[in-house]
């Protein structure tokens, strides 16, 4: 479990650095920028998928009360 969290944060940080690196040059490399953004979004998506939905939590509590 901890390994997947570490991978998720690594993806986010790597994506940030790659996107910033692509913007640093005078002549911007669009392909590297897109790859950096994709890595960043993949990491954010994986982190967000582990957060439970608020509505799902509410329905579970209502089921337990009845």
Protein backbone atom coordinates (compact mmCIF):
# COMPACT_ATOMS: atom_id res chain seq x y z
CA UNK A 1 0.00 0.00 0.00
CA UNK A 2 2.75 2.44 0.89
CA UNK A 3 4.60 1.56 -2.29
CA UNK A 4 1.68 2.70 -4.46
CA UNK A 5 1.46 6.01 -2.57
CA UNK A 6 5.15 6.55 -3.12
CA UNK A 7 4.74 5.81 -6.84
CA UNK A 8 1.82 8.25 -7.08
CA UNK A 9 3.74 11.10 -5.49
CA UNK A 10 6.79 10.26 -7.59
CA UNK A 11 4.65 10.54 -10.75
CA UNK A 12 3.31 13.94 -9.68
CA UNK A 13 6.75 15.34 -8.86
CA UNK A 14 8.31 13.88 -12.02
CA UNK A 15 5.52 15.30 -14.16
CA UNK A 16 6.01 18.74 -12.62
CA UNK A 17 9.75 18.72 -13.25
CA UNK A 18 9.35 17.51 -16.84
CA UNK A 19 6.71 20.16 -17.60
CA UNK A 20 8.84 22.91 -16.04
CA UNK A 21 11.91 21.69 -17.94
CA UNK A 22 9.97 21.85 -21.23
CA UNK A 23 8.99 25.47 -20.50
CA UNK A 24 12.52 26.54 -19.49
CA UNK A 25 13.99 26.76 -22.99
CA UNK A 26 13.48 29.68 -25.33
CA UNK A 27 12.30 27.21 -27.95
CA UNK A 28 9.68 25.16 -26.10
CA UNK A 29 9.46 21.46 -26.87
CA UNK A 30 5.74 20.73 -27.00
CA UNK A 31 6.12 16.95 -26.97
CA UNK A 32 8.10 16.98 -23.71
CA UNK A 33 5.56 19.40 -22.21
CA UNK A 34 2.67 17.11 -23.14
CA UNK A 35 4.48 14.06 -21.71
CA UNK A 36 5.11 15.95 -18.46
CA UNK A 37 1.47 16.97 -18.19
CA UNK A 38 0.32 13.41 -18.89
CA UNK A 39 2.61 12.03 -16.16
CA UNK A 40 1.40 14.72 -13.76
CA UNK A 41 -2.26 14.01 -14.47
CA UNK A 42 -1.73 10.25 -14.17
CA UNK A 43 -0.27 10.74 -10.70
CA UNK A 44 -3.11 13.06 -9.66
CA UNK A 45 -5.70 10.62 -11.01
CA UNK A 46 -4.16 7.73 -9.07
CA UNK A 47 -4.13 9.79 -5.87
CA UNK A 48 -7.71 10.96 -6.37
CA UNK A 49 -8.95 7.43 -7.04
CA UNK A 50 -7.96 6.38 -3.52
CA UNK A 51 -10.13 9.08 -1.90
CA UNK A 52 -13.62 7.73 -1.14
CA UNK A 53 -16.65 9.57 -2.43
CA UNK A 54 -18.62 11.69 0.04
CA UNK A 55 -21.91 10.33 -1.28
CA UNK A 56 -20.68 6.77 -0.97
CA UNK A 57 -19.77 7.42 2.67
CA UNK A 58 -23.22 8.91 3.38
CA UNK A 59 -25.06 5.90 1.92
CA UNK A 60 -22.93 3.48 3.94
CA UNK A 61 -23.75 5.35 7.16
CA UNK A 62 -27.48 5.36 6.33
CA UNK A 63 -27.41 1.61 5.67
CA UNK A 64 -25.75 0.99 9.03
CA UNK A 65 -28.36 3.03 10.91
CA UNK A 66 -31.30 1.07 9.52
